[in-house]
N, C-alpha and C. Protein backbone atom coordinates (compact mmCIF):
# COMPACT_ATOMS: atom_id res chain seq x y z
N GLN A 1 3.94 13.38 -26.70
CA GLN A 1 2.61 13.34 -26.19
C GLN A 1 2.49 12.57 -24.95
N LEU A 2 3.32 11.58 -24.75
CA LEU A 2 3.39 10.78 -23.53
C LEU A 2 4.72 10.90 -22.91
N GLN A 3 4.75 11.10 -21.58
CA GLN A 3 6.08 11.35 -20.85
C GLN A 3 6.06 10.49 -19.71
N ALA A 4 6.89 9.40 -19.71
CA ALA A 4 7.04 8.41 -18.59
C ALA A 4 8.10 8.98 -17.63
N SER A 5 7.76 8.77 -16.34
CA SER A 5 8.76 9.19 -15.19
C SER A 5 8.58 8.17 -14.05
N GLY A 6 9.50 8.19 -13.08
CA GLY A 6 9.34 7.41 -11.73
C GLY A 6 10.39 6.27 -11.69
N GLY A 7 11.00 5.95 -12.83
CA GLY A 7 12.08 4.78 -12.64
C GLY A 7 13.12 5.12 -11.72
N GLY A 8 13.79 4.10 -11.36
CA GLY A 8 15.04 4.28 -10.53
C GLY A 8 15.66 2.91 -10.11
N THR A 9 16.40 2.98 -9.23
CA THR A 9 17.23 1.74 -8.71
C THR A 9 16.77 1.59 -7.39
N VAL A 10 16.28 0.29 -7.15
CA VAL A 10 15.76 -0.22 -5.93
C VAL A 10 16.25 -1.50 -5.55
N GLN A 11 15.96 -1.92 -4.24
CA GLN A 11 16.31 -3.13 -3.81
C GLN A 11 15.11 -4.22 -3.99
N PRO A 12 15.27 -5.54 -4.11
CA PRO A 12 14.37 -6.42 -4.08
C PRO A 12 13.32 -6.35 -3.01
N GLY A 13 12.15 -6.34 -3.25
CA GLY A 13 11.05 -6.17 -2.23
C GLY A 13 10.69 -4.74 -2.16
N ASP A 14 11.22 -3.85 -2.70
CA ASP A 14 10.83 -2.31 -2.67
C ASP A 14 9.65 -2.14 -3.71
N SER A 15 9.30 -0.83 -3.53
CA SER A 15 8.13 -0.53 -4.52
C SER A 15 8.58 0.86 -5.33
N LEU A 16 7.92 1.01 -6.42
CA LEU A 16 8.07 2.19 -7.27
C LEU A 16 6.72 2.42 -7.94
N ARG A 17 6.52 3.80 -8.10
CA ARG A 17 5.29 4.17 -8.99
C ARG A 17 5.71 4.81 -10.15
N LEU A 18 5.40 4.32 -11.33
CA LEU A 18 5.74 5.04 -12.53
C LEU A 18 4.53 5.85 -12.92
N SER A 19 4.77 6.94 -13.48
CA SER A 19 3.75 7.86 -14.01
C SER A 19 3.90 8.14 -15.53
N CYS A 20 2.88 8.40 -16.09
CA CYS A 20 2.91 8.63 -17.68
C CYS A 20 1.95 9.91 -17.79
N THR A 21 2.46 11.04 -18.08
CA THR A 21 1.56 12.16 -18.20
C THR A 21 1.44 12.35 -19.76
N TYR A 22 0.28 12.74 -20.08
CA TYR A 22 0.11 12.99 -21.63
C TYR A 22 -0.31 14.41 -21.76
N SER A 23 -0.03 14.88 -22.87
CA SER A 23 -0.30 16.26 -23.29
C SER A 23 -0.53 16.45 -24.82
N GLY A 24 -1.03 17.62 -25.24
CA GLY A 24 -1.24 17.65 -26.62
C GLY A 24 -2.49 17.11 -27.28
N ARG A 25 -3.04 16.17 -26.53
CA ARG A 25 -4.28 15.62 -26.88
C ARG A 25 -4.77 14.97 -25.80
N THR A 26 -6.15 14.49 -25.80
CA THR A 26 -6.61 13.83 -24.78
C THR A 26 -6.60 12.43 -25.01
N PHE A 27 -6.40 11.51 -23.89
CA PHE A 27 -6.61 10.13 -24.14
C PHE A 27 -7.70 9.55 -23.18
N VAL A 28 -8.46 10.40 -22.92
CA VAL A 28 -9.75 9.92 -21.91
C VAL A 28 -10.43 8.70 -22.59
N ASN A 29 -10.54 8.61 -23.84
CA ASN A 29 -11.30 7.54 -24.58
C ASN A 29 -10.39 6.38 -25.03
N SER A 30 -9.10 6.42 -24.62
CA SER A 30 -8.16 5.62 -25.04
C SER A 30 -7.73 4.65 -23.90
N ALA A 31 -7.54 3.30 -24.36
CA ALA A 31 -6.99 2.32 -23.39
C ALA A 31 -5.48 2.72 -23.12
N SER A 32 -5.09 2.43 -21.84
CA SER A 32 -3.57 2.54 -21.65
C SER A 32 -2.83 1.31 -21.46
N GLY A 33 -1.58 1.34 -21.51
CA GLY A 33 -0.93 0.03 -21.38
C GLY A 33 0.50 0.45 -20.92
N TRP A 34 1.24 -0.55 -20.21
CA TRP A 34 2.57 -0.55 -19.91
C TRP A 34 3.35 -1.77 -20.37
N PHE A 35 4.41 -1.60 -21.03
CA PHE A 35 5.33 -2.59 -21.47
C PHE A 35 6.68 -2.30 -20.96
N ARG A 36 7.42 -3.39 -21.05
CA ARG A 36 8.83 -3.37 -20.61
C ARG A 36 9.74 -4.15 -21.52
N GLN A 37 10.95 -3.66 -21.56
CA GLN A 37 11.99 -4.30 -22.37
C GLN A 37 13.32 -4.54 -21.53
N ALA A 38 13.69 -5.65 -21.39
CA ALA A 38 14.98 -5.94 -20.58
C ALA A 38 16.09 -6.03 -21.52
N PRO A 39 17.37 -5.82 -21.13
CA PRO A 39 18.33 -5.94 -21.95
C PRO A 39 18.54 -7.23 -22.71
N GLY A 40 18.59 -7.12 -24.00
CA GLY A 40 18.75 -8.37 -24.81
C GLY A 40 17.47 -9.12 -25.12
N LYS A 41 16.41 -8.56 -24.60
CA LYS A 41 15.04 -9.20 -24.76
C LYS A 41 14.11 -8.32 -25.53
N GLU A 42 13.02 -8.99 -26.08
CA GLU A 42 11.96 -8.33 -26.80
C GLU A 42 11.12 -7.56 -25.74
N ARG A 43 10.54 -6.50 -26.25
CA ARG A 43 9.43 -5.78 -25.27
C ARG A 43 8.37 -6.68 -25.16
N GLU A 44 7.90 -6.56 -23.90
CA GLU A 44 6.80 -7.55 -23.46
C GLU A 44 5.70 -6.75 -22.71
N PHE A 45 4.55 -7.32 -22.87
CA PHE A 45 3.27 -6.62 -22.18
C PHE A 45 3.38 -6.81 -20.63
N VAL A 46 3.01 -5.77 -19.98
CA VAL A 46 2.95 -5.72 -18.43
C VAL A 46 1.55 -5.55 -17.92
N ALA A 47 0.78 -4.51 -18.44
CA ALA A 47 -0.58 -4.30 -17.90
C ALA A 47 -1.33 -3.41 -18.91
N THR A 48 -2.69 -3.58 -18.86
CA THR A 48 -3.35 -2.67 -19.65
C THR A 48 -4.75 -2.31 -18.90
N LEU A 49 -5.19 -1.10 -19.11
CA LEU A 49 -6.49 -0.54 -18.49
C LEU A 49 -7.29 0.06 -19.50
N SER A 50 -8.54 -0.21 -19.56
CA SER A 50 -9.39 0.45 -20.41
C SER A 50 -9.66 1.84 -20.21
N ALA A 51 -10.31 2.52 -21.22
CA ALA A 51 -11.01 3.81 -20.86
C ALA A 51 -11.98 3.82 -19.92
N GLY A 52 -12.06 4.68 -18.99
CA GLY A 52 -12.98 4.61 -17.93
C GLY A 52 -12.62 3.58 -16.86
N SER A 53 -11.52 2.88 -16.85
CA SER A 53 -10.93 2.03 -15.88
C SER A 53 -11.93 0.81 -15.54
N SER A 54 -12.66 0.48 -16.54
CA SER A 54 -13.62 -0.64 -16.28
C SER A 54 -13.05 -1.98 -16.36
N THR A 55 -11.93 -2.20 -17.23
CA THR A 55 -11.25 -3.44 -17.44
C THR A 55 -9.91 -3.34 -17.43
N VAL A 56 -9.29 -4.33 -16.72
CA VAL A 56 -7.80 -4.39 -16.56
C VAL A 56 -7.28 -5.70 -16.71
N TYR A 57 -6.01 -5.82 -17.23
CA TYR A 57 -5.54 -7.27 -17.43
C TYR A 57 -4.03 -7.00 -17.18
N TYR A 58 -3.39 -8.01 -16.62
CA TYR A 58 -1.95 -8.09 -16.26
C TYR A 58 -1.23 -9.25 -16.71
N ALA A 59 -0.01 -9.07 -17.00
CA ALA A 59 0.75 -10.24 -17.33
C ALA A 59 0.88 -11.29 -16.12
N ASP A 60 0.97 -12.37 -16.43
CA ASP A 60 1.19 -13.35 -15.26
C ASP A 60 2.19 -13.16 -14.31
N SER A 61 3.38 -12.60 -14.90
CA SER A 61 4.58 -12.46 -14.12
C SER A 61 4.51 -11.16 -13.08
N VAL A 62 3.45 -10.27 -13.36
CA VAL A 62 3.27 -9.14 -12.34
C VAL A 62 1.94 -9.15 -11.68
N LYS A 63 1.12 -10.00 -11.99
CA LYS A 63 -0.16 -10.15 -11.30
C LYS A 63 -0.02 -10.25 -9.67
N GLY A 64 -0.86 -9.46 -9.04
CA GLY A 64 -0.67 -9.46 -7.58
C GLY A 64 0.37 -8.49 -7.06
N ARG A 65 1.21 -7.97 -7.87
CA ARG A 65 2.35 -7.16 -7.42
C ARG A 65 2.24 -5.77 -8.11
N PHE A 66 1.73 -5.71 -9.26
CA PHE A 66 1.66 -4.47 -10.09
C PHE A 66 0.13 -4.05 -10.14
N THR A 67 -0.08 -2.66 -10.07
CA THR A 67 -1.39 -2.19 -10.19
C THR A 67 -1.33 -1.03 -11.23
N ILE A 68 -2.15 -1.14 -12.24
CA ILE A 68 -2.43 -0.02 -13.20
C ILE A 68 -3.60 0.83 -12.90
N THR A 69 -3.40 2.11 -13.08
CA THR A 69 -4.42 3.00 -12.75
C THR A 69 -4.38 4.19 -13.77
N ARG A 70 -5.30 5.07 -13.72
CA ARG A 70 -5.30 6.32 -14.38
C ARG A 70 -6.16 7.50 -13.81
N ASP A 71 -5.68 8.57 -13.95
CA ASP A 71 -6.35 9.87 -13.34
C ASP A 71 -6.49 10.72 -14.50
N ASP A 72 -7.48 10.74 -15.32
CA ASP A 72 -7.56 11.56 -16.44
C ASP A 72 -7.79 13.04 -16.06
N ALA A 73 -8.23 13.31 -14.98
CA ALA A 73 -8.32 14.80 -14.48
C ALA A 73 -6.88 15.37 -14.38
N LYS A 74 -5.93 14.49 -14.17
CA LYS A 74 -4.49 14.79 -14.10
C LYS A 74 -3.71 14.50 -15.36
N SER A 75 -4.45 13.94 -16.40
CA SER A 75 -3.78 13.44 -17.64
C SER A 75 -2.73 12.46 -17.43
N THR A 76 -2.76 11.61 -16.37
CA THR A 76 -1.82 10.70 -15.99
C THR A 76 -2.22 9.32 -15.92
N PHE A 77 -1.42 8.35 -16.42
CA PHE A 77 -1.57 6.92 -16.22
C PHE A 77 -0.45 6.48 -15.03
N TYR A 78 -0.75 5.46 -14.37
CA TYR A 78 0.28 5.06 -13.34
C TYR A 78 0.54 3.58 -13.36
N LEU A 79 1.61 3.09 -12.88
CA LEU A 79 1.97 1.86 -12.65
C LEU A 79 2.69 1.66 -11.29
N GLN A 80 1.83 0.99 -10.39
CA GLN A 80 2.29 0.89 -9.09
C GLN A 80 3.00 -0.49 -8.99
N MET A 81 4.26 -0.53 -8.63
CA MET A 81 4.94 -1.82 -8.68
C MET A 81 5.54 -2.04 -7.27
N ASN A 82 4.79 -3.13 -6.75
CA ASN A 82 5.31 -3.59 -5.30
C ASN A 82 6.13 -4.89 -5.26
N ASP A 83 6.72 -5.06 -4.26
CA ASP A 83 7.67 -6.40 -4.23
C ASP A 83 8.39 -6.63 -5.29
N LEU A 84 9.16 -5.66 -5.88
CA LEU A 84 10.01 -5.78 -7.01
C LEU A 84 11.04 -6.87 -6.90
N LYS A 85 11.24 -7.44 -7.94
CA LYS A 85 12.22 -8.60 -8.15
C LYS A 85 13.27 -8.17 -9.15
N PRO A 86 14.50 -8.82 -9.08
CA PRO A 86 15.50 -8.43 -10.06
C PRO A 86 15.01 -8.73 -11.50
N GLU A 87 14.08 -9.69 -11.67
CA GLU A 87 13.65 -9.93 -13.09
C GLU A 87 12.65 -8.74 -13.57
N ASP A 88 12.31 -7.90 -12.74
CA ASP A 88 11.44 -6.78 -13.23
C ASP A 88 12.47 -5.69 -13.86
N THR A 89 13.65 -5.83 -13.71
CA THR A 89 14.57 -4.79 -14.23
C THR A 89 14.38 -4.73 -15.82
N ALA A 90 14.11 -3.45 -16.32
CA ALA A 90 13.76 -3.21 -17.64
C ALA A 90 13.73 -1.72 -17.91
N LEU A 91 13.57 -1.45 -19.02
CA LEU A 91 13.04 0.01 -19.48
C LEU A 91 11.48 -0.17 -19.70
N TYR A 92 10.76 0.64 -18.93
CA TYR A 92 9.37 0.63 -18.86
C TYR A 92 8.79 1.69 -19.81
N TYR A 93 7.84 1.26 -20.62
CA TYR A 93 7.16 2.19 -21.59
C TYR A 93 5.69 2.30 -21.34
N CYS A 94 5.04 3.49 -21.28
CA CYS A 94 3.77 3.64 -21.28
C CYS A 94 3.21 3.82 -22.71
N ALA A 95 1.95 3.52 -22.95
CA ALA A 95 1.44 3.59 -24.25
C ALA A 95 -0.09 3.89 -24.28
N ALA A 96 -0.62 4.32 -25.22
CA ALA A 96 -1.97 4.57 -25.33
C ALA A 96 -2.54 4.12 -26.79
N ARG A 97 -3.68 3.71 -26.80
CA ARG A 97 -4.16 3.23 -28.14
C ARG A 97 -5.51 3.94 -28.45
N ILE A 98 -5.91 3.96 -29.71
CA ILE A 98 -7.07 4.65 -30.10
C ILE A 98 -8.32 4.03 -29.61
N SER A 99 -8.34 2.64 -29.46
CA SER A 99 -9.52 1.95 -28.99
C SER A 99 -9.58 2.03 -27.44
N SER A 100 -10.70 2.05 -27.03
CA SER A 100 -10.93 2.34 -25.51
C SER A 100 -10.88 0.93 -24.81
N ARG A 101 -10.73 -0.18 -25.50
CA ARG A 101 -10.75 -1.46 -24.96
C ARG A 101 -9.22 -1.82 -24.65
N ILE A 102 -9.04 -2.78 -23.69
CA ILE A 102 -7.72 -3.22 -23.38
C ILE A 102 -6.96 -3.93 -24.53
N GLY A 103 -5.80 -3.84 -24.42
CA GLY A 103 -5.04 -4.67 -25.46
C GLY A 103 -3.69 -5.11 -24.95
N THR A 104 -3.19 -6.32 -25.40
CA THR A 104 -1.95 -6.74 -24.88
C THR A 104 -0.85 -6.84 -25.86
N SER A 105 -1.19 -6.43 -27.11
CA SER A 105 -0.22 -6.48 -28.20
C SER A 105 0.35 -5.05 -28.42
N SER A 106 1.81 -4.97 -28.47
CA SER A 106 2.26 -3.73 -28.55
C SER A 106 1.99 -3.04 -29.99
N ASN A 107 1.71 -3.89 -30.93
CA ASN A 107 1.42 -3.48 -32.29
C ASN A 107 0.11 -2.67 -32.39
N SER A 108 -0.80 -2.95 -31.28
CA SER A 108 -1.97 -2.25 -31.32
C SER A 108 -2.10 -0.95 -30.69
N TYR A 109 -0.79 -0.54 -30.18
CA TYR A 109 -0.83 0.85 -29.61
C TYR A 109 -0.27 1.94 -30.56
N ASN A 110 -0.87 3.08 -30.52
CA ASN A 110 -0.53 4.09 -31.42
C ASN A 110 0.41 5.20 -30.94
N PHE A 111 0.33 5.33 -29.51
CA PHE A 111 1.13 6.43 -29.04
C PHE A 111 1.98 5.80 -27.87
N TRP A 112 3.36 6.25 -27.77
CA TRP A 112 4.30 5.71 -26.85
C TRP A 112 5.05 6.80 -26.22
N GLY A 113 5.39 6.57 -24.85
CA GLY A 113 6.35 7.42 -24.29
C GLY A 113 7.73 6.99 -24.44
N GLN A 114 8.59 7.66 -23.85
CA GLN A 114 10.11 7.39 -24.24
C GLN A 114 10.69 6.35 -23.27
N GLY A 115 10.05 5.80 -22.23
CA GLY A 115 10.61 4.87 -21.31
C GLY A 115 11.28 5.49 -20.30
N THR A 116 11.21 4.70 -19.11
CA THR A 116 11.79 5.18 -17.86
C THR A 116 12.48 3.83 -17.37
N LYS A 117 13.73 3.87 -16.77
CA LYS A 117 14.46 2.66 -16.52
C LYS A 117 14.23 2.40 -15.02
N VAL A 118 14.04 0.91 -14.84
CA VAL A 118 13.87 0.43 -13.64
C VAL A 118 14.91 -0.62 -13.32
N THR A 119 15.67 -0.46 -12.23
CA THR A 119 16.69 -1.47 -11.95
C THR A 119 16.43 -2.01 -10.51
N VAL A 120 16.36 -3.37 -10.38
CA VAL A 120 16.11 -3.97 -9.12
C VAL A 120 17.31 -4.75 -8.85
N SER A 121 18.09 -4.35 -7.78
CA SER A 121 19.41 -4.95 -7.50
C SER A 121 19.60 -4.80 -6.08
N SER A 122 20.18 -5.95 -5.44
CA SER A 122 20.60 -5.95 -4.07
C SER A 122 22.20 -5.48 -4.01
């Protein structure tokens, strides 16, 4: 129901935009989120956006560099990532939850995409 794309290998300082397209059901009334998991580490919260895009919240590590948005007319969530750093290297997952409000806990999300790999290396 969620399909993430847009990952790749880039150099430090570059940008990428991740997309997460949903199908099979609507997530218009659901909050969206992005999480990531680096090799050997636990999955961590990156960003979350409420239904209607009224509320947003970012992890401190990406604040000011990443922007989460959504276009429900296109059934798509986005994560714009600027000024990428090697420590941003991870498998990135999009997610949606039944609640319309933002959430930072992965356990609170009900629907997950398959992950898209981002590698930042010089």
